[in-house]
Structures are given as C-alpha cells and as structure tokens.
Amino acid sequence: YLQMNSLNLEDTAVYYCAAEKGGYL
C-alpha cells in the first residue's frame, strides 16, 4: 500500500508499483 496524505498538485501522476525478487533492494 501507499498511503498518501496532504496531497498537492505536484503529486499528480500515474503511480506504478514494482517488485524486486530477493527482497532487499
């Protein structure tokens, strides 16, 4: 999840989620 509070105009965008196998970035 991505909880987004206090949104402003600059937050306008298409949001994507992505995954990394292995889990540790």
PDB file of all heavy atoms in Angstrom:
ATOM      1  N   TYR A   1       0.837  -1.199   0.000  1.00  0.00           N
ATOM      2  CA  TYR A   1       0.000   0.000   0.000  1.00  0.00           C
ATOM      3  C   TYR A   1       0.872   1.249   0.000  1.00  0.00           C
ATOM      4  O   TYR A   1       2.011   1.236   0.456  1.00  0.00           O
ATOM      5  CB  TYR A   1      -0.891  -0.003   1.248  1.00  0.00           C
ATOM      6  CG  TYR A   1      -1.710  -1.242   1.415  1.00  0.00           C
ATOM      7  CD1 TYR A   1      -1.281  -2.275   2.237  1.00  0.00           C
ATOM      8  CD2 TYR A   1      -2.914  -1.404   0.740  1.00  0.00           C
ATOM      9  CE1 TYR A   1      -2.024  -3.433   2.381  1.00  0.00           C
ATOM     10  CE2 TYR A   1      -3.676  -2.557   0.885  1.00  0.00           C
ATOM     11  CZ  TYR A   1      -3.221  -3.570   1.704  1.00  0.00           C
ATOM     12  OH  TYR A   1      -3.970  -4.715   1.844  1.00  0.00           O
ATOM     13  N   LEU A   2       0.295   2.304  -0.506  1.00  0.00           N
ATOM     14  CA  LEU A   2       0.918   3.621  -0.408  1.00  0.00           C
ATOM     15  C   LEU A   2      -0.149   4.573   0.119  1.00  0.00           C
ATOM     16  O   LEU A   2      -1.086   4.923  -0.610  1.00  0.00           O
ATOM     17  CB  LEU A   2       1.448   4.091  -1.759  1.00  0.00           C
ATOM     18  CG  LEU A   2       2.204   5.414  -1.732  1.00  0.00           C
ATOM     19  CD1 LEU A   2       3.519   5.261  -0.964  1.00  0.00           C
ATOM     20  CD2 LEU A   2       2.477   5.924  -3.150  1.00  0.00           C
ATOM     21  N   GLN A   3      -0.010   4.935   1.368  1.00  0.00           N
ATOM     22  CA  GLN A   3      -0.910   5.902   1.978  1.00  0.00           C
ATOM     23  C   GLN A   3      -0.391   7.295   1.660  1.00  0.00           C
ATOM     24  O   GLN A   3       0.747   7.629   1.991  1.00  0.00           O
ATOM     25  CB  GLN A   3      -0.986   5.707   3.487  1.00  0.00           C
ATOM     26  CG  GLN A   3      -1.864   6.705   4.192  1.00  0.00           C
ATOM     27  CD  GLN A   3      -3.332   6.568   3.821  1.00  0.00           C
ATOM     28  OE1 GLN A   3      -3.857   5.471   3.757  1.00  0.00           O
ATOM     29  NE2 GLN A   3      -3.996   7.700   3.601  1.00  0.00           N
ATOM     30  N   MET A   4      -1.227   8.094   1.022  1.00  0.00           N
ATOM     31  CA  MET A   4      -0.818   9.422   0.595  1.00  0.00           C
ATOM     32  C   MET A   4      -1.696  10.451   1.279  1.00  0.00           C
ATOM     33  O   MET A   4      -2.909  10.474   1.067  1.00  0.00           O
ATOM     34  CB  MET A   4      -0.938   9.549  -0.932  1.00  0.00           C
ATOM     35  CG  MET A   4      -0.188   8.467  -1.695  1.00  0.00           C
ATOM     36  SD  MET A   4      -0.204   8.727  -3.482  1.00  0.00           S
ATOM     37  CE  MET A   4      -1.943   8.601  -3.822  1.00  0.00           C
ATOM     38  N   ASN A   5      -1.076  11.274   2.082  1.00  0.00           N
ATOM     39  CA  ASN A   5      -1.793  12.326   2.806  1.00  0.00           C
ATOM     40  C   ASN A   5      -1.329  13.697   2.324  1.00  0.00           C
ATOM     41  O   ASN A   5      -0.262  13.823   1.729  1.00  0.00           O
ATOM     42  CB  ASN A   5      -1.555  12.200   4.307  1.00  0.00           C
ATOM     43  CG  ASN A   5      -2.054  10.881   4.869  1.00  0.00           C
ATOM     44  OD1 ASN A   5      -3.041  10.314   4.410  1.00  0.00           O
ATOM     45  ND2 ASN A   5      -1.363  10.373   5.879  1.00  0.00           N
ATOM     46  N   SER A   6      -2.126  14.685   2.609  1.00  0.00           N
ATOM     47  CA  SER A   6      -1.787  16.068   2.253  1.00  0.00           C
ATOM     48  C   SER A   6      -1.348  16.182   0.797  1.00  0.00           C
ATOM     49  O   SER A   6      -0.315  16.789   0.486  1.00  0.00           O
ATOM     50  CB  SER A   6      -0.689  16.600   3.177  1.00  0.00           C
ATOM     51  OG  SER A   6      -1.076  16.529   4.530  1.00  0.00           O
ATOM     52  N   LEU A   7      -2.132  15.631  -0.074  1.00  0.00           N
ATOM     53  CA  LEU A   7      -1.785  15.647  -1.496  1.00  0.00           C
ATOM     54  C   LEU A   7      -1.759  17.068  -2.033  1.00  0.00           C
ATOM     55  O   LEU A   7      -2.570  17.921  -1.633  1.00  0.00           O
ATOM     56  CB  LEU A   7      -2.781  14.802  -2.279  1.00  0.00           C
ATOM     57  CG  LEU A   7      -2.604  13.290  -2.109  1.00  0.00           C
ATOM     58  CD1 LEU A   7      -3.867  12.538  -2.524  1.00  0.00           C
ATOM     59  CD2 LEU A   7      -1.417  12.810  -2.929  1.00  0.00           C
ATOM     60  N   ASN A   8      -0.815  17.307  -2.918  1.00  0.00           N
ATOM     61  CA  ASN A   8      -0.739  18.622  -3.569  1.00  0.00           C
ATOM     62  C   ASN A   8      -0.686  18.440  -5.079  1.00  0.00           C
ATOM     63  O   ASN A   8      -0.602  17.313  -5.588  1.00  0.00           O
ATOM     64  CB  ASN A   8       0.451  19.429  -3.039  1.00  0.00           C
ATOM     65  CG  ASN A   8       1.772  18.707  -3.231  1.00  0.00           C
ATOM     66  OD1 ASN A   8       2.075  18.263  -4.333  1.00  0.00           O
ATOM     67  ND2 ASN A   8       2.561  18.609  -2.184  1.00  0.00           N
ATOM     68  N   LEU A   9      -0.737  19.551  -5.793  1.00  0.00           N
ATOM     69  CA  LEU A   9      -0.831  19.494  -7.254  1.00  0.00           C
ATOM     70  C   LEU A   9       0.348  18.741  -7.875  1.00  0.00           C
ATOM     71  O   LEU A   9       0.197  18.078  -8.913  1.00  0.00           O
ATOM     72  CB  LEU A   9      -0.921  20.903  -7.836  1.00  0.00           C
ATOM     73  CG  LEU A   9      -2.106  21.748  -7.397  1.00  0.00           C
ATOM     74  CD1 LEU A   9      -2.053  23.117  -8.078  1.00  0.00           C
ATOM     75  CD2 LEU A   9      -3.418  21.052  -7.719  1.00  0.00           C
ATOM     76  N   GLU A  10       1.508  18.852  -7.234  1.00  0.00           N
ATOM     77  CA  GLU A  10       2.718  18.215  -7.776  1.00  0.00           C
ATOM     78  C   GLU A  10       2.683  16.694  -7.647  1.00  0.00           C
ATOM     79  O   GLU A  10       3.537  16.001  -8.205  1.00  0.00           O
ATOM     80  CB  GLU A  10       3.963  18.760  -7.075  1.00  0.00           C
ATOM     81  CG  GLU A  10       4.329  20.202  -7.430  1.00  0.00           C
ATOM     82  CD  GLU A  10       3.339  21.212  -6.871  1.00  0.00           C
ATOM     83  OE1 GLU A  10       2.853  21.000  -5.735  1.00  0.00           O
ATOM     84  OE2 GLU A  10       3.054  22.220  -7.567  1.00  0.00           O
ATOM     85  N   ASP A  11       1.732  16.171  -6.911  1.00  0.00           N
ATOM     86  CA  ASP A  11       1.592  14.719  -6.773  1.00  0.00           C
ATOM     87  C   ASP A  11       0.799  14.092  -7.924  1.00  0.00           C
ATOM     88  O   ASP A  11       0.686  12.870  -7.998  1.00  0.00           O
ATOM     89  CB  ASP A  11       0.918  14.374  -5.444  1.00  0.00           C
ATOM     90  CG  ASP A  11       1.742  14.789  -4.246  1.00  0.00           C
ATOM     91  OD1 ASP A  11       2.975  14.603  -4.274  1.00  0.00           O
ATOM     92  OD2 ASP A  11       1.151  15.304  -3.279  1.00  0.00           O
ATOM     93  N   THR A  12       0.256  14.916  -8.784  1.00  0.00           N
ATOM     94  CA  THR A  12      -0.491  14.397  -9.922  1.00  0.00           C
ATOM     95  C   THR A  12       0.437  13.606 -10.842  1.00  0.00           C
ATOM     96  O   THR A  12       1.451  14.120 -11.304  1.00  0.00           O
ATOM     97  CB  THR A  12      -1.138  15.547 -10.711  1.00  0.00           C
ATOM     98  OG1 THR A  12      -2.132  16.180  -9.888  1.00  0.00           O
ATOM     99  CG2 THR A  12      -1.787  15.037 -11.991  1.00  0.00           C
ATOM    100  N   ALA A  13       0.085  12.361 -11.073  1.00  0.00           N
ATOM    101  CA  ALA A  13       0.928  11.478 -11.882  1.00  0.00           C
ATOM    102  C   ALA A  13       0.246  10.117 -12.011  1.00  0.00           C
ATOM    103  O   ALA A  13      -0.747   9.838 -11.329  1.00  0.00           O
ATOM    104  CB  ALA A  13       2.299  11.293 -11.244  1.00  0.00           C
ATOM    105  N   VAL A  14       0.816   9.299 -12.871  1.00  0.00           N
ATOM    106  CA  VAL A  14       0.458   7.887 -12.882  1.00  0.00           C
ATOM    107  C   VAL A  14       1.408   7.181 -11.920  1.00  0.00           C
ATOM    108  O   VAL A  14       2.624   7.350 -12.011  1.00  0.00           O
ATOM    109  CB  VAL A  14       0.573   7.284 -14.293  1.00  0.00           C
ATOM    110  CG1 VAL A  14       0.257   5.794 -14.256  1.00  0.00           C
ATOM    111  CG2 VAL A  14      -0.366   8.001 -15.262  1.00  0.00           C
ATOM    112  N   TYR A  15       0.841   6.416 -11.012  1.00  0.00           N
ATOM    113  CA  TYR A  15       1.626   5.725  -9.995  1.00  0.00           C
ATOM    114  C   TYR A  15       1.746   4.244 -10.341  1.00  0.00           C
ATOM    115  O   TYR A  15       0.747   3.592 -10.679  1.00  0.00           O
ATOM    116  CB  TYR A  15       0.974   5.895  -8.629  1.00  0.00           C
ATOM    117  CG  TYR A  15       1.185   7.261  -8.041  1.00  0.00           C
ATOM    118  CD1 TYR A  15       0.551   8.381  -8.584  1.00  0.00           C
ATOM    119  CD2 TYR A  15       2.042   7.466  -6.957  1.00  0.00           C
ATOM    120  CE1 TYR A  15       0.767   9.645  -8.071  1.00  0.00           C
ATOM    121  CE2 TYR A  15       2.251   8.727  -6.430  1.00  0.00           C
ATOM    122  CZ  TYR A  15       1.619   9.807  -6.993  1.00  0.00           C
ATOM    123  OH  TYR A  15       1.837  11.067  -6.470  1.00  0.00           O
ATOM    124  N   TYR A  16       2.959   3.740 -10.219  1.00  0.00           N
ATOM    125  CA  TYR A  16       3.257   2.353 -10.552  1.00  0.00           C
ATOM    126  C   TYR A  16       3.842   1.642  -9.331  1.00  0.00           C
ATOM    127  O   TYR A  16       4.639   2.219  -8.599  1.00  0.00           O
ATOM    128  CB  TYR A  16       4.288   2.273 -11.675  1.00  0.00           C
ATOM    129  CG  TYR A  16       3.883   2.933 -12.949  1.00  0.00           C
ATOM    130  CD1 TYR A  16       4.125   4.287 -13.170  1.00  0.00           C
ATOM    131  CD2 TYR A  16       3.261   2.200 -13.959  1.00  0.00           C
ATOM    132  CE1 TYR A  16       3.760   4.899 -14.364  1.00  0.00           C
ATOM    133  CE2 TYR A  16       2.890   2.803 -15.157  1.00  0.00           C
ATOM    134  CZ  TYR A  16       3.145   4.151 -15.346  1.00  0.00           C
ATOM    135  OH  TYR A  16       2.773   4.746 -16.516  1.00  0.00           O
ATOM    136  N   CYS A  17       3.479   0.400  -9.157  1.00  0.00           N
ATOM    137  CA  CYS A  17       4.181  -0.414  -8.181  1.00  0.00           C
ATOM    138  C   CYS A  17       5.094  -1.384  -8.918  1.00  0.00           C
ATOM    139  O   CYS A  17       4.828  -1.759 -10.064  1.00  0.00           O
ATOM    140  CB  CYS A  17       3.226  -1.151  -7.246  1.00  0.00           C
ATOM    141  SG  CYS A  17       2.075  -2.298  -8.026  1.00  0.00           S
ATOM    142  N   ALA A  18       6.171  -1.739  -8.262  1.00  0.00           N
ATOM    143  CA  ALA A  18       7.177  -2.610  -8.853  1.00  0.00           C
ATOM    144  C   ALA A  18       7.693  -3.556  -7.781  1.00  0.00           C
ATOM    145  O   ALA A  18       7.630  -3.242  -6.585  1.00  0.00           O
ATOM    146  CB  ALA A  18       8.322  -1.780  -9.436  1.00  0.00           C
ATOM    147  N   ALA A  19       8.219  -4.689  -8.215  1.00  0.00           N
ATOM    148  CA  ALA A  19       8.711  -5.696  -7.281  1.00  0.00           C
ATOM    149  C   ALA A  19      10.125  -6.127  -7.621  1.00  0.00           C
ATOM    150  O   ALA A  19      10.480  -6.235  -8.802  1.00  0.00           O
ATOM    151  CB  ALA A  19       7.791  -6.916  -7.280  1.00  0.00           C
ATOM    152  N   GLU A  20      10.901  -6.359  -6.604  1.00  0.00           N
ATOM    153  CA  GLU A  20      12.275  -6.817  -6.753  1.00  0.00           C
ATOM    154  C   GLU A  20      12.411  -8.171  -6.079  1.00  0.00           C
ATOM    155  O   GLU A  20      12.204  -8.284  -4.868  1.00  0.00           O
ATOM    156  CB  GLU A  20      13.242  -5.826  -6.113  1.00  0.00           C
ATOM    157  CG  GLU A  20      14.703  -6.264  -6.164  1.00  0.00           C
ATOM    158  CD  GLU A  20      15.265  -6.650  -4.805  1.00  0.00           C
ATOM    159  OE1 GLU A  20      14.477  -6.838  -3.859  1.00  0.00           O
ATOM    160  OE2 GLU A  20      16.495  -6.751  -4.694  1.00  0.00           O
ATOM    161  N   LYS A  21      12.737  -9.188  -6.874  1.00  0.00           N
ATOM    162  CA  LYS A  21      12.907 -10.528  -6.335  1.00  0.00           C
ATOM    163  C   LYS A  21      14.183 -10.577  -5.497  1.00  0.00           C
ATOM    164  O   LYS A  21      15.220 -10.115  -5.933  1.00  0.00           O
ATOM    165  CB  LYS A  21      12.969 -11.559  -7.456  1.00  0.00           C
ATOM    166  CG  LYS A  21      12.910 -12.980  -6.958  1.00  0.00           C
ATOM    167  CD  LYS A  21      12.814 -13.964  -8.101  1.00  0.00           C
ATOM    168  CE  LYS A  21      12.704 -15.381  -7.580  1.00  0.00           C
ATOM    169  NZ  LYS A  21      12.606 -16.370  -8.684  1.00  0.00           N
ATOM    170  N   GLY A  22      14.038 -11.167  -4.339  1.00  0.00           N
ATOM    171  CA  GLY A  22      15.167 -11.203  -3.406  1.00  0.00           C
ATOM    172  C   GLY A  22      14.796 -10.446  -2.154  1.00  0.00           C
ATOM    173  O   GLY A  22      15.016 -10.925  -1.046  1.00  0.00           O
ATOM    174  N   GLY A  23      14.190  -9.262  -2.366  1.00  0.00           N
ATOM    175  CA  GLY A  23      13.556  -8.590  -1.259  1.00  0.00           C
ATOM    176  C   GLY A  23      14.364  -7.575  -0.492  1.00  0.00           C
ATOM    177  O   GLY A  23      13.844  -6.981   0.447  1.00  0.00           O
ATOM    178  N   TYR A  24      15.628  -7.367  -0.855  1.00  0.00           N
ATOM    179  CA  TYR A  24      16.468  -6.494  -0.034  1.00  0.00           C
ATOM    180  C   TYR A  24      16.911  -5.208  -0.742  1.00  0.00           C
ATOM    181  O   TYR A  24      17.648  -4.421  -0.159  1.00  0.00           O
ATOM    182  CB  TYR A  24      17.695  -7.264   0.465  1.00  0.00           C
ATOM    183  CG  TYR A  24      17.322  -8.345   1.453  1.00  0.00           C
ATOM    184  CD1 TYR A  24      17.236  -9.677   1.046  1.00  0.00           C
ATOM    185  CD2 TYR A  24      17.044  -8.027   2.776  1.00  0.00           C
ATOM    186  CE1 TYR A  24      16.882 -10.671   1.948  1.00  0.00           C
ATOM    187  CE2 TYR A  24      16.689  -9.019   3.677  1.00  0.00           C
ATOM    188  CZ  TYR A  24      16.622 -10.332   3.262  1.00  0.00           C
ATOM    189  OH  TYR A  24      16.267 -11.322   4.152  1.00  0.00           O
ATOM    190  N   LEU A  25      16.508  -5.036  -1.982  1.00  0.00           N
ATOM    191  CA  LEU A  25      16.817  -3.786  -2.693  1.00  0.00           C
ATOM    192  C   LEU A  25      18.309  -3.500  -2.715  1.00  0.00           C
ATOM    193  O   LEU A  25      18.728  -2.344  -2.547  1.00  0.00           O
ATOM    194  CB  LEU A  25      16.047  -2.622  -2.070  1.00  0.00           C
ATOM    195  CG  LEU A  25      14.523  -2.754  -2.114  1.00  0.00           C
ATOM    196  CD1 LEU A  25      13.872  -1.697  -1.230  1.00  0.00           C
ATOM    197  CD2 LEU A  25      14.013  -2.648  -3.531  1.00  0.00           C
TER     198      LEU A  25
END
